[in-house]
Amino acid sequence: MNFFLRYEQAINWIVGLCPQPDKFAHTYAGLLIWLFAGLALRRPLHSVWTLVPVVVLELANEMVDRITHGSWAWHDTLRDMAATWFWPFVLLTCFRLFPVLTSYRPPGKAVLAPSAQNEIEGALPPMAPMRAPDGHDVRGVLAGSEPV
């Protein structure tokens, strides 16, 4: 049995697992290939290089369909390409146009850099001494340290 026939049988089995029509399988395959390409190439998903495997593998899939069926079915071929490429292209474009979608914010409290903290403190007017009834200055206590 040749490669193309086995490939076609495997694809038909996979398409049988997906909801109708087969365009769902193309959509899922396009997204999976795009995600795995990002992992395998160690590139962020906003990199154009993650789209290269999606495009190449879909073109190879359509070539196998053409060899197996004996001729091009352009109506189906163009729809398969559009279904496979649509979401990876849309998501990549969104990630590139709106970088906030790919920004990482570590959990926990944000810490100001020392220079930024000094700039903030320099911009504020000096705080007048605050005395507790026992006569101690309580400014440090309010900031979390021992009384002066």
C-alpha atoms as a PDB file:
ATOM      1  CA  MET A   1       0.000   0.000   0.000  1.00  0.00           C
ATOM      2  CA  ASN A   2       1.466   3.359  -0.907  1.00  0.00           C
ATOM      3  CA  PHE A   3       2.021   6.376   1.321  1.00  0.00           C
ATOM      4  CA  PHE A   4      -0.678   8.532  -0.251  1.00  0.00           C
ATOM      5  CA  LEU A   5      -3.420   5.960   0.291  1.00  0.00           C
ATOM      6  CA  ARG A   6      -2.424   5.437   3.938  1.00  0.00           C
ATOM      7  CA  TYR A   7      -2.246   9.182   4.468  1.00  0.00           C
ATOM      8  CA  GLU A   8      -5.718   9.633   2.987  1.00  0.00           C
ATOM      9  CA  GLN A   9      -7.105   6.864   5.237  1.00  0.00           C
ATOM     10  CA  ALA A  10      -5.551   8.481   8.332  1.00  0.00           C
ATOM     11  CA  ILE A  11      -6.971  11.877   7.377  1.00  0.00           C
ATOM     12  CA  ASN A  12     -10.433  10.395   6.799  1.00  0.00           C
ATOM     13  CA  TRP A  13     -10.276   8.743  10.233  1.00  0.00           C
ATOM     14  CA  ILE A  14      -9.302  12.062  11.877  1.00  0.00           C
ATOM     15  CA  VAL A  15     -12.030  13.959   9.996  1.00  0.00           C
ATOM     16  CA  GLY A  16     -14.507  11.312  11.170  1.00  0.00           C
ATOM     17  CA  LEU A  17     -13.697  12.249  14.775  1.00  0.00           C
ATOM     18  CA  CYS A  18     -14.472  15.935  14.195  1.00  0.00           C
ATOM     19  CA  PRO A  19     -17.886  17.554  13.918  1.00  0.00           C
ATOM     20  CA  GLN A  20     -19.181  18.137  10.409  1.00  0.00           C
ATOM     21  CA  PRO A  21     -17.955  19.458   7.985  1.00  0.00           C
ATOM     22  CA  ASP A  22     -14.254  18.668   7.458  1.00  0.00           C
ATOM     23  CA  LYS A  23     -13.378  22.368   7.718  1.00  0.00           C
ATOM     24  CA  PHE A  24     -13.373  21.935  11.514  1.00  0.00           C
ATOM     25  CA  ALA A  25     -10.514  19.452  11.147  1.00  0.00           C
ATOM     26  CA  HIS A  26      -8.599  21.967   9.029  1.00  0.00           C
ATOM     27  CA  THR A  27      -9.183  24.701  11.615  1.00  0.00           C
ATOM     28  CA  TYR A  28      -8.014  22.486  14.487  1.00  0.00           C
ATOM     29  CA  ALA A  29      -5.006  21.283  12.505  1.00  0.00           C
ATOM     30  CA  GLY A  30      -3.983  24.832  11.601  1.00  0.00           C
ATOM     31  CA  LEU A  31      -4.107  25.970  15.226  1.00  0.00           C
ATOM     32  CA  LEU A  32      -2.270  22.883  16.516  1.00  0.00           C
ATOM     33  CA  ILE A  33       0.476  23.161  13.910  1.00  0.00           C
ATOM     34  CA  TRP A  34       0.875  26.872  14.717  1.00  0.00           C
ATOM     35  CA  LEU A  35       1.149  26.219  18.465  1.00  0.00           C
ATOM     36  CA  PHE A  36       3.556  23.295  18.042  1.00  0.00           C
ATOM     37  CA  ALA A  37       5.625  25.358  15.599  1.00  0.00           C
ATOM     38  CA  GLY A  38       6.006  28.046  18.249  1.00  0.00           C
ATOM     39  CA  LEU A  39       7.178  25.433  20.750  1.00  0.00           C
ATOM     40  CA  ALA A  40       9.448  23.561  18.357  1.00  0.00           C
ATOM     41  CA  LEU A  41      11.024  26.681  16.886  1.00  0.00           C
ATOM     42  CA  ARG A  42      11.167  28.368  20.320  1.00  0.00           C
ATOM     43  CA  ARG A  43       9.622  31.475  18.849  1.00  0.00           C
ATOM     44  CA  PRO A  44       6.828  33.637  20.249  1.00  0.00           C
ATOM     45  CA  LEU A  45       3.456  33.210  18.592  1.00  0.00           C
ATOM     46  CA  HIS A  46       3.695  36.715  17.156  1.00  0.00           C
ATOM     47  CA  SER A  47       6.694  35.630  15.068  1.00  0.00           C
ATOM     48  CA  VAL A  48       6.012  35.159  11.360  1.00  0.00           C
ATOM     49  CA  TRP A  49       8.219  32.049  11.434  1.00  0.00           C
ATOM     50  CA  THR A  50       5.510  30.155  13.317  1.00  0.00           C
ATOM     51  CA  LEU A  51       3.246  30.496  10.264  1.00  0.00           C
ATOM     52  CA  VAL A  52       5.710  28.889   7.868  1.00  0.00           C
ATOM     53  CA  PRO A  53       4.986  25.284   9.002  1.00  0.00           C
ATOM     54  CA  VAL A  54       1.233  25.946   8.849  1.00  0.00           C
ATOM     55  CA  VAL A  55       1.453  27.146   5.253  1.00  0.00           C
ATOM     56  CA  VAL A  56       3.914  24.463   4.123  1.00  0.00           C
ATOM     57  CA  LEU A  57       2.056  21.559   5.745  1.00  0.00           C
ATOM     58  CA  GLU A  58      -1.309  22.691   4.373  1.00  0.00           C
ATOM     59  CA  LEU A  59       0.153  22.996   0.878  1.00  0.00           C
ATOM     60  CA  ALA A  60       1.629  19.490   1.258  1.00  0.00           C
ATOM     61  CA  ASN A  61      -1.761  18.191   2.424  1.00  0.00           C
ATOM     62  CA  GLU A  62      -3.447  19.680  -0.630  1.00  0.00           C
ATOM     63  CA  MET A  63      -0.776  18.174  -2.901  1.00  0.00           C
ATOM     64  CA  VAL A  64      -1.488  14.744  -1.403  1.00  0.00           C
ATOM     65  CA  ASP A  65      -5.219  15.310  -1.986  1.00  0.00           C
ATOM     66  CA  ARG A  66      -4.482  16.201  -5.598  1.00  0.00           C
ATOM     67  CA  ILE A  67      -2.332  13.084  -6.115  1.00  0.00           C
ATOM     68  CA  THR A  68      -4.876  10.827  -4.404  1.00  0.00           C
ATOM     69  CA  HIS A  69      -7.923  12.165  -6.265  1.00  0.00           C
ATOM     70  CA  GLY A  70      -6.184  12.632  -9.615  1.00  0.00           C
ATOM     71  CA  SER A  71      -7.115  16.275 -10.182  1.00  0.00           C
ATOM     72  CA  TRP A  72      -7.533  19.565  -8.401  1.00  0.00           C
ATOM     73  CA  ALA A  73     -10.856  20.322  -6.742  1.00  0.00           C
ATOM     74  CA  TRP A  74     -10.218  24.064  -6.546  1.00  0.00           C
ATOM     75  CA  HIS A  75     -13.436  24.900  -4.756  1.00  0.00           C
ATOM     76  CA  ASP A  76     -12.598  22.487  -1.918  1.00  0.00           C
ATOM     77  CA  THR A  77      -8.851  23.177  -1.995  1.00  0.00           C
ATOM     78  CA  LEU A  78      -9.252  26.927  -1.540  1.00  0.00           C
ATOM     79  CA  ARG A  79     -11.742  26.461   1.283  1.00  0.00           C
ATOM     80  CA  ASP A  80      -9.417  23.982   3.017  1.00  0.00           C
ATOM     81  CA  MET A  81      -6.543  26.477   2.801  1.00  0.00           C
ATOM     82  CA  ALA A  82      -8.700  29.294   4.149  1.00  0.00           C
ATOM     83  CA  ALA A  83      -9.952  27.155   7.049  1.00  0.00           C
ATOM     84  CA  THR A  84      -6.431  26.041   7.971  1.00  0.00           C
ATOM     85  CA  TRP A  85      -4.732  29.427   7.720  1.00  0.00           C
ATOM     86  CA  PHE A  86      -7.486  31.737   9.001  1.00  0.00           C
ATOM     87  CA  TRP A  87      -7.089  31.599  12.812  1.00  0.00           C
ATOM     88  CA  PRO A  88      -3.291  31.415  12.927  1.00  0.00           C
ATOM     89  CA  PHE A  89      -3.120  34.487  10.656  1.00  0.00           C
ATOM     90  CA  VAL A  90      -5.773  36.360  12.665  1.00  0.00           C
ATOM     91  CA  LEU A  91      -4.157  35.581  16.033  1.00  0.00           C
ATOM     92  CA  LEU A  92      -0.655  36.396  14.819  1.00  0.00           C
ATOM     93  CA  THR A  93      -1.897  39.716  13.414  1.00  0.00           C
ATOM     94  CA  CYS A  94      -3.638  40.563  16.700  1.00  0.00           C
ATOM     95  CA  PHE A  95      -0.507  39.684  18.686  1.00  0.00           C
ATOM     96  CA  ARG A  96       1.579  41.942  16.448  1.00  0.00           C
ATOM     97  CA  LEU A  97      -0.879  44.865  16.418  1.00  0.00           C
ATOM     98  CA  PHE A  98      -1.700  44.673  20.148  1.00  0.00           C
ATOM     99  CA  PRO A  99       1.478  43.688  22.026  1.00  0.00           C
ATOM    100  CA  VAL A 100      -0.347  43.901  25.342  1.00  0.00           C
ATOM    101  CA  LEU A 101      -1.924  40.542  24.416  1.00  0.00           C
ATOM    102  CA  THR A 102       1.480  38.863  24.670  1.00  0.00           C
ATOM    103  CA  SER A 103       2.882  40.750  27.646  1.00  0.00           C
ATOM    104  CA  TYR A 104       3.650  38.758  30.753  1.00  0.00           C
ATOM    105  CA  ARG A 105       2.950  40.173  34.183  1.00  0.00           C
ATOM    106  CA  PRO A 106       4.438  38.206  37.071  1.00  0.00           C
ATOM    107  CA  PRO A 107       2.101  37.503  39.974  1.00  0.00           C
ATOM    108  CA  GLY A 108       2.460  39.430  43.220  1.00  0.00           C
ATOM    109  CA  LYS A 109       3.176  43.018  44.059  1.00  0.00           C
ATOM    110  CA  ALA A 110       4.945  45.242  41.607  1.00  0.00           C
ATOM    111  CA  VAL A 111       8.245  46.611  42.905  1.00  0.00           C
ATOM    112  CA  LEU A 112       9.459  50.006  41.798  1.00  0.00           C
ATOM    113  CA  ALA A 113      13.023  50.302  40.658  1.00  0.00           C
ATOM    114  CA  PRO A 114      15.165  52.251  43.144  1.00  0.00           C
ATOM    115  CA  SER A 115      15.527  55.209  40.796  1.00  0.00           C
ATOM    116  CA  ALA A 116      11.763  55.392  40.292  1.00  0.00           C
ATOM    117  CA  GLN A 117      11.191  55.228  44.057  1.00  0.00           C
ATOM    118  CA  ASN A 118      13.682  58.071  44.627  1.00  0.00           C
ATOM    119  CA  GLU A 119      11.971  60.183  41.981  1.00  0.00           C
ATOM    120  CA  ILE A 120       8.639  59.658  43.688  1.00  0.00           C
ATOM    121  CA  GLU A 121      10.025  60.526  47.109  1.00  0.00           C
ATOM    122  CA  GLY A 122      11.787  63.623  45.712  1.00  0.00           C
ATOM    123  CA  ALA A 123       8.543  64.844  44.160  1.00  0.00           C
ATOM    124  CA  LEU A 124       6.651  64.734  47.459  1.00  0.00           C
ATOM    125  CA  PRO A 125       6.932  67.542  49.982  1.00  0.00           C
ATOM    126  CA  PRO A 126       8.716  66.623  53.208  1.00  0.00           C
ATOM    127  CA  MET A 127       6.437  65.227  55.865  1.00  0.00           C
ATOM    128  CA  ALA A 128       6.157  67.184  59.090  1.00  0.00           C
ATOM    129  CA  PRO A 129       7.040  65.318  62.285  1.00  0.00           C
ATOM    130  CA  MET A 130       4.143  63.485  63.849  1.00  0.00           C
ATOM    131  CA  ARG A 131       4.385  62.984  67.596  1.00  0.00           C
ATOM    132  CA  ALA A 132       2.713  60.311  69.638  1.00  0.00           C
ATOM    133  CA  PRO A 133       1.445  61.213  73.117  1.00  0.00           C
ATOM    134  CA  ASP A 134       4.683  59.835  74.583  1.00  0.00           C
ATOM    135  CA  GLY A 135       6.737  62.236  72.416  1.00  0.00           C
ATOM    136  CA  HIS A 136       8.104  59.757  69.847  1.00  0.00           C
ATOM    137  CA  ASP A 137       8.084  60.601  66.141  1.00  0.00           C
ATOM    138  CA  VAL A 138       5.621  58.141  64.538  1.00  0.00           C
ATOM    139  CA  ARG A 139       6.404  58.721  60.837  1.00  0.00           C
ATOM    140  CA  GLY A 140       8.506  55.555  60.725  1.00  0.00           C
ATOM    141  CA  VAL A 141       5.813  53.535  62.467  1.00  0.00           C
ATOM    142  CA  LEU A 142       3.341  54.497  59.783  1.00  0.00           C
ATOM    143  CA  ALA A 143       5.822  53.251  57.175  1.00  0.00           C
ATOM    144  CA  GLY A 144       6.364  49.976  59.045  1.00  0.00           C
ATOM    145  CA  SER A 145       9.552  50.616  61.060  1.00  0.00           C
ATOM    146  CA  GLU A 146      10.379  51.338  64.688  1.00  0.00           C
ATOM    147  CA  PRO A 147       9.638  54.744  66.267  1.00  0.00           C
ATOM    148  CA  VAL A 148      12.397  57.349  66.022  1.00  0.00           C
END
